[in-house]
Amino acid sequence: MNQPKDRTQQMEEQNRRIQQTLDRIKNRIVVFSGKGGVGKTTVAVNLAYALVAKKKKVGLLDADITGPNVPKMIGLEGFPGVDGDSRTIAPQVKHELNVISIAPLIPADAPVIWRGPLRSGAITQFLSDVIWGDLDFLLADLPPGTGDEVLTTAQRMLPQMAIVVTTPQEISLTDCRRAVNMAKKLNIAKIGVVENMSGLVCPHCSREIEIFGTGGGEKMADEMGAIFLGRIPMEIETREGGDTGSPIVLANESSKTAQAFTTIAENVITLLSS
């Protein structure tokens, strides 16, 4: 007979803890895309470190429960700290970036075969039970598409900004438009667009080759009333850094890609301070 009341009390307590978490985070950003393969996690990781380089306190929540790649891309090892008495979790720290991901908590190469409610529950726990502390920015790296995780994170995290990642080609832009429209329906105040893979930088002559074209993301953002944050070129060093856990923003500050992320970080800071 007491089960419904207990459940209600648990939900109220969880909501209270989430609110306490949000009260200590100045700016909350969700990073997502309409489709996979556009470099969304690469953008989330390098943007987070570009913000750290601006002397900001930053957290990165890996909300891609079935494809948690953030730890691999930043060379994160070990496990988050867990306090059994208070049932709280301490984020891991790598190069001054606070990170939480489900990846360290599951066996290597093991699939996460969870239905939507379980995935959404894990994200909710990352907001209610993780001790993020005082942050200038919390970024959530979401899975591709417009499914449960995107909806749950937006409703629970109450982000002030959504960053939608696309490539310049039309097939990506079509899905990106859906993502922008979802952000609008979720009443996210500021919606930014990042055009990734905007020209391949030749490692020999430094010329840019427009493999996927260029300018499509900016045009789409203008048409849809979104904010164009910048374009990111393709460099071999970016792919290598993602594989070895050395984000290009940290590995080579003078690269064109790192400079692009610095510009995007500056744009984000300006937009969220206005």
Protein backbone atom coordinates (compact mmCIF):
# COMPACT_ATOMS: atom_id res chain seq x y z
CA MET A 1 0.00 0.00 0.00
CA ASN A 2 2.94 2.34 0.67
CA GLN A 3 4.62 1.70 -2.69
CA PRO A 4 3.03 4.60 -4.65
CA LYS A 5 3.89 7.02 -1.85
CA ASP A 6 7.46 5.73 -1.64
CA ARG A 7 7.83 6.06 -5.39
CA THR A 8 6.49 9.60 -5.30
CA GLN A 9 8.89 10.50 -2.52
CA GLN A 10 11.80 9.02 -4.49
CA MET A 11 10.91 11.08 -7.55
CA GLU A 12 10.53 14.24 -5.48
CA GLU A 13 13.92 13.63 -3.88
CA GLN A 14 15.53 13.02 -7.27
CA ASN A 15 13.99 16.20 -8.68
CA ARG A 16 15.27 18.12 -5.66
CA ARG A 17 18.81 16.84 -6.21
CA ILE A 18 18.67 17.71 -9.91
CA GLN A 19 17.57 21.24 -9.07
CA GLN A 20 20.43 21.56 -6.59
CA THR A 21 22.82 20.46 -9.36
CA LEU A 22 21.40 22.91 -11.91
CA ASP A 23 21.55 25.79 -9.44
CA ARG A 24 25.35 25.50 -9.39
CA ILE A 25 25.83 25.39 -13.18
CA LYS A 26 25.75 28.73 -14.98
CA ASN A 27 25.39 27.49 -18.56
CA ARG A 28 24.04 24.19 -19.84
CA ILE A 29 24.50 23.07 -23.45
CA VAL A 30 23.29 19.99 -25.33
CA VAL A 31 25.29 18.86 -28.37
CA PHE A 32 23.39 16.67 -30.80
CA SER A 33 22.80 15.92 -34.47
CA GLY A 34 20.06 14.70 -36.71
CA LYS A 35 22.17 11.74 -37.85
CA GLY A 36 25.26 9.77 -36.91
CA GLY A 37 28.70 10.07 -38.45
CA VAL A 38 28.94 13.86 -38.43
CA GLY A 39 31.57 14.10 -35.68
CA LYS A 40 29.27 15.14 -32.86
CA THR A 41 31.41 13.70 -30.06
CA THR A 42 34.56 15.17 -31.60
CA VAL A 43 32.86 18.56 -31.51
CA ALA A 44 31.63 18.11 -27.92
CA VAL A 45 35.04 17.01 -26.62
CA ASN A 46 37.09 19.67 -28.36
CA LEU A 47 34.61 22.45 -27.59
CA ALA A 48 34.73 21.44 -23.92
CA TYR A 49 38.52 21.71 -23.90
CA ALA A 50 38.41 24.99 -25.84
CA LEU A 51 36.23 26.35 -23.02
CA VAL A 52 38.66 24.98 -20.41
CA ALA A 53 41.43 26.85 -22.26
CA LYS A 54 39.39 30.02 -21.69
CA LYS A 55 39.77 29.40 -17.93
CA LYS A 56 36.20 28.14 -17.56
CA LYS A 57 35.11 25.36 -15.20
CA VAL A 58 33.59 22.76 -17.52
CA GLY A 59 31.80 19.43 -17.22
CA LEU A 60 31.08 16.94 -20.01
CA LEU A 61 28.21 14.48 -19.62
CA ASP A 62 28.41 11.54 -22.03
CA ALA A 63 24.68 10.98 -22.62
CA ASP A 64 25.18 8.56 -25.52
CA ILE A 65 24.43 5.54 -23.35
CA THR A 66 24.67 2.89 -26.07
CA GLY A 67 27.72 4.43 -27.76
CA PRO A 68 29.77 6.12 -25.02
CA ASN A 69 32.94 7.26 -26.80
CA VAL A 70 33.98 10.27 -24.74
CA PRO A 71 36.44 8.39 -22.44
CA LYS A 72 38.21 6.85 -25.45
CA MET A 73 38.52 10.20 -27.20
CA ILE A 74 40.12 11.93 -24.21
CA GLY A 75 42.24 9.03 -22.94
CA LEU A 76 40.25 8.64 -19.73
CA GLU A 77 40.98 5.59 -17.60
CA GLY A 78 39.81 4.30 -14.23
CA PHE A 79 36.41 4.66 -12.60
CA PRO A 80 34.36 7.52 -11.19
CA GLY A 81 34.32 7.74 -7.42
CA VAL A 82 31.20 6.40 -5.69
CA ASP A 83 30.09 7.17 -2.14
CA GLY A 84 27.91 4.28 -1.05
CA ASP A 85 26.49 6.09 1.97
CA SER A 86 25.30 9.23 0.20
CA ARG A 87 24.74 7.43 -3.12
CA THR A 88 26.68 10.12 -4.96
CA ILE A 89 29.14 9.88 -7.81
CA ALA A 90 32.24 12.02 -8.36
CA PRO A 91 33.05 12.81 -12.00
CA GLN A 92 36.44 11.84 -13.35
CA VAL A 93 38.83 14.65 -14.23
CA LYS A 94 41.08 14.77 -17.29
CA HIS A 95 43.11 17.89 -18.09
CA GLU A 96 40.80 19.97 -15.85
CA LEU A 97 37.64 18.69 -17.57
CA ASN A 98 35.05 16.97 -15.35
CA VAL A 99 33.61 13.93 -17.13
CA ILE A 100 30.95 11.31 -16.47
CA SER A 101 30.22 8.39 -18.77
CA ILE A 102 28.75 4.95 -18.49
CA ALA A 103 31.73 3.51 -20.42
CA PRO A 104 33.93 2.79 -17.36
CA LEU A 105 31.02 1.02 -15.66
CA ILE A 106 30.49 -1.65 -18.34
CA PRO A 107 32.85 -4.35 -19.66
CA ALA A 108 34.93 -3.37 -22.67
CA ASP A 109 33.16 -4.08 -25.99
CA ALA A 110 29.97 -5.11 -24.17
CA PRO A 111 26.79 -3.86 -25.88
CA VAL A 112 24.37 -1.77 -23.83
CA ILE A 113 21.08 -3.44 -24.80
CA TRP A 114 18.71 -1.19 -22.91
CA ARG A 115 15.28 0.07 -23.79
CA GLY A 116 14.53 3.79 -23.77
CA PRO A 117 13.39 4.11 -20.14
CA LEU A 118 16.61 2.56 -18.83
CA ARG A 119 18.76 4.83 -20.99
CA SER A 120 16.77 7.86 -19.89
CA GLY A 121 17.08 6.72 -16.27
CA ALA A 122 20.88 6.63 -16.53
CA ILE A 123 20.95 10.19 -17.84
CA THR A 124 18.66 11.34 -15.05
CA GLN A 125 21.00 9.71 -12.53
CA PHE A 126 23.98 11.53 -14.07
CA LEU A 127 22.19 14.77 -13.24
CA SER A 128 20.79 13.84 -9.83
CA ASP A 129 23.61 11.77 -8.30
CA VAL A 130 26.80 13.19 -9.83
CA ILE A 131 28.44 15.94 -7.76
CA TRP A 132 29.30 18.40 -10.53
CA GLY A 133 29.91 21.29 -8.16
CA ASP A 134 30.18 24.87 -9.42
CA LEU A 135 30.57 24.96 -13.20
CA ASP A 136 30.61 27.68 -15.82
CA PHE A 137 29.51 25.18 -18.48
CA LEU A 138 28.02 21.68 -18.56
CA LEU A 139 27.95 20.09 -22.02
CA ALA A 140 25.93 16.96 -22.74
CA ASP A 141 27.04 14.84 -25.70
CA LEU A 142 23.81 13.24 -26.91
CA PRO A 143 23.27 10.28 -29.24
CA PRO A 144 22.33 11.01 -32.86
CA GLY A 145 18.70 11.48 -33.80
CA THR A 146 15.75 12.87 -31.89
CA GLY A 147 14.89 10.01 -29.54
CA ASP A 148 14.40 9.39 -25.82
CA GLU A 149 17.83 10.54 -24.62
CA VAL A 150 17.57 13.91 -26.36
CA LEU A 151 14.10 14.48 -24.93
CA THR A 152 15.04 13.37 -21.41
CA THR A 153 18.21 15.47 -21.29
CA ALA A 154 16.43 18.58 -22.53
CA GLN A 155 13.60 18.17 -20.04
CA ARG A 156 15.86 17.37 -17.08
CA MET A 157 18.91 19.53 -17.82
CA LEU A 158 16.95 22.60 -19.01
CA PRO A 159 19.72 23.76 -21.39
CA GLN A 160 20.06 27.39 -22.42
CA MET A 161 21.68 26.36 -25.71
CA ALA A 162 21.52 23.51 -28.22
CA ILE A 163 24.41 22.97 -30.62
CA VAL A 164 23.45 20.97 -33.68
CA VAL A 165 26.35 19.42 -35.60
CA THR A 166 26.11 18.85 -39.33
CA THR A 167 28.33 18.33 -42.35
CA PRO A 168 27.93 20.52 -45.46
CA GLN A 169 26.27 17.86 -47.63
CA GLU A 170 22.53 18.00 -48.20
CA ILE A 171 21.72 14.57 -46.75
CA SER A 172 23.20 15.69 -43.42
CA LEU A 173 21.52 19.09 -43.59
CA THR A 174 18.12 17.43 -44.04
CA ASP A 175 18.50 15.61 -40.73
CA CYS A 176 20.04 18.67 -39.12
CA ARG A 177 16.90 20.67 -39.92
CA ARG A 178 14.90 18.09 -37.96
CA ALA A 179 17.24 18.50 -35.01
CA VAL A 180 16.92 22.29 -35.13
CA ASN A 181 13.14 21.99 -35.20
CA MET A 182 13.22 19.61 -32.23
CA ALA A 183 15.30 22.13 -30.27
CA LYS A 184 12.67 24.76 -31.08
CA LYS A 185 9.85 22.50 -29.89
CA LEU A 186 11.76 21.94 -26.65
CA ASN A 187 11.88 25.72 -26.17
CA ILE A 188 15.68 25.88 -25.99
CA ALA A 189 16.42 29.59 -26.09
CA LYS A 190 19.56 29.60 -28.25
CA ILE A 191 20.16 27.15 -31.10
CA GLY A 192 23.59 27.06 -32.70
CA VAL A 193 24.84 25.17 -35.74
CA VAL A 194 28.38 23.89 -36.27
CA GLU A 195 29.45 22.77 -39.72
CA ASN A 196 31.95 19.94 -39.26
CA MET A 197 34.14 18.35 -41.98
CA SER A 198 34.09 21.63 -43.87
CA GLY A 199 36.99 21.00 -46.21
CA LEU A 200 39.94 18.60 -45.91
CA VAL A 201 43.24 20.28 -45.03
CA CYS A 202 45.95 18.68 -47.18
CA PRO A 203 48.79 17.56 -44.87
CA HIS A 204 51.36 18.37 -47.58
CA CYS A 205 50.34 21.77 -48.98
CA SER A 206 47.73 22.92 -46.40
CA ARG A 207 45.20 23.61 -49.15
CA GLU A 208 41.58 22.83 -48.29
CA ILE A 209 39.73 20.32 -50.47
CA GLU A 210 35.94 20.60 -50.30
CA ILE A 211 35.12 16.89 -50.18
CA PHE A 212 31.61 17.41 -48.80
CA GLY A 213 31.23 20.97 -50.03
CA THR A 214 31.17 23.97 -47.72
CA GLY A 215 28.76 26.64 -46.56
CA GLY A 216 25.68 24.42 -46.31
CA GLY A 217 25.50 24.63 -42.52
CA GLU A 218 25.68 28.41 -42.48
CA LYS A 219 23.01 28.73 -45.16
CA MET A 220 20.71 26.30 -43.35
CA ALA A 221 21.19 28.10 -40.02
CA ASP A 222 20.28 31.41 -41.66
CA GLU A 223 17.17 29.92 -43.27
CA MET A 224 15.96 28.41 -39.98
CA GLY A 225 16.72 31.32 -37.69
CA ALA A 226 19.52 29.48 -35.88
CA ILE A 227 22.94 30.89 -34.98
CA PHE A 228 25.89 29.79 -37.07
CA LEU A 229 28.78 29.21 -34.66
CA GLY A 230 31.49 28.26 -37.13
CA ARG A 231 32.91 25.65 -39.46
CA ILE A 232 35.53 23.02 -38.64
CA PRO A 233 37.91 21.63 -41.27
CA MET A 234 39.04 18.03 -41.53
CA GLU A 235 42.60 17.28 -40.50
CA ILE A 236 44.27 13.89 -40.20
CA GLU A 237 45.56 14.94 -36.78
CA THR A 238 41.99 15.26 -35.51
CA ARG A 239 41.21 11.64 -36.38
CA GLU A 240 44.50 10.45 -34.92
CA GLY A 241 43.88 12.36 -31.70
CA GLY A 242 40.41 10.87 -31.36
CA ASP A 243 41.83 7.37 -31.69
CA THR A 244 44.69 7.93 -29.22
CA GLY A 245 42.82 10.00 -26.64
CA SER A 246 44.54 13.27 -27.45
CA PRO A 247 41.99 15.92 -28.60
CA ILE A 248 43.44 18.26 -31.21
CA VAL A 249 42.61 21.35 -29.14
CA LEU A 250 45.15 20.05 -26.60
CA ALA A 251 47.57 18.34 -28.98
CA ASN A 252 48.08 21.16 -31.49
CA GLU A 253 46.76 24.59 -30.51
CA SER A 254 48.07 26.15 -33.73
CA SER A 255 46.20 23.79 -36.07
CA LYS A 256 43.35 25.13 -38.17
CA THR A 257 40.93 22.82 -36.37
CA ALA A 258 42.00 23.96 -32.90
CA GLN A 259 41.71 27.59 -34.00
CA ALA A 260 38.20 26.89 -35.32
CA PHE A 261 37.16 25.42 -31.97
CA THR A 262 38.61 28.44 -30.17
CA THR A 263 36.46 30.73 -32.33
CA ILE A 264 33.36 28.60 -31.67
CA ALA A 265 34.06 28.63 -27.91
CA GLU A 266 34.34 32.43 -28.00
CA ASN A 267 31.05 32.64 -29.88
CA VAL A 268 29.35 30.38 -27.32
CA ILE A 269 30.66 32.45 -24.39
CA THR A 270 29.47 35.67 -26.02
CA LEU A 271 26.03 34.31 -26.84
CA LEU A 272 25.39 32.90 -23.38
CA SER A 273 26.58 36.02 -21.63
CA SER A 274 24.23 38.25 -23.60
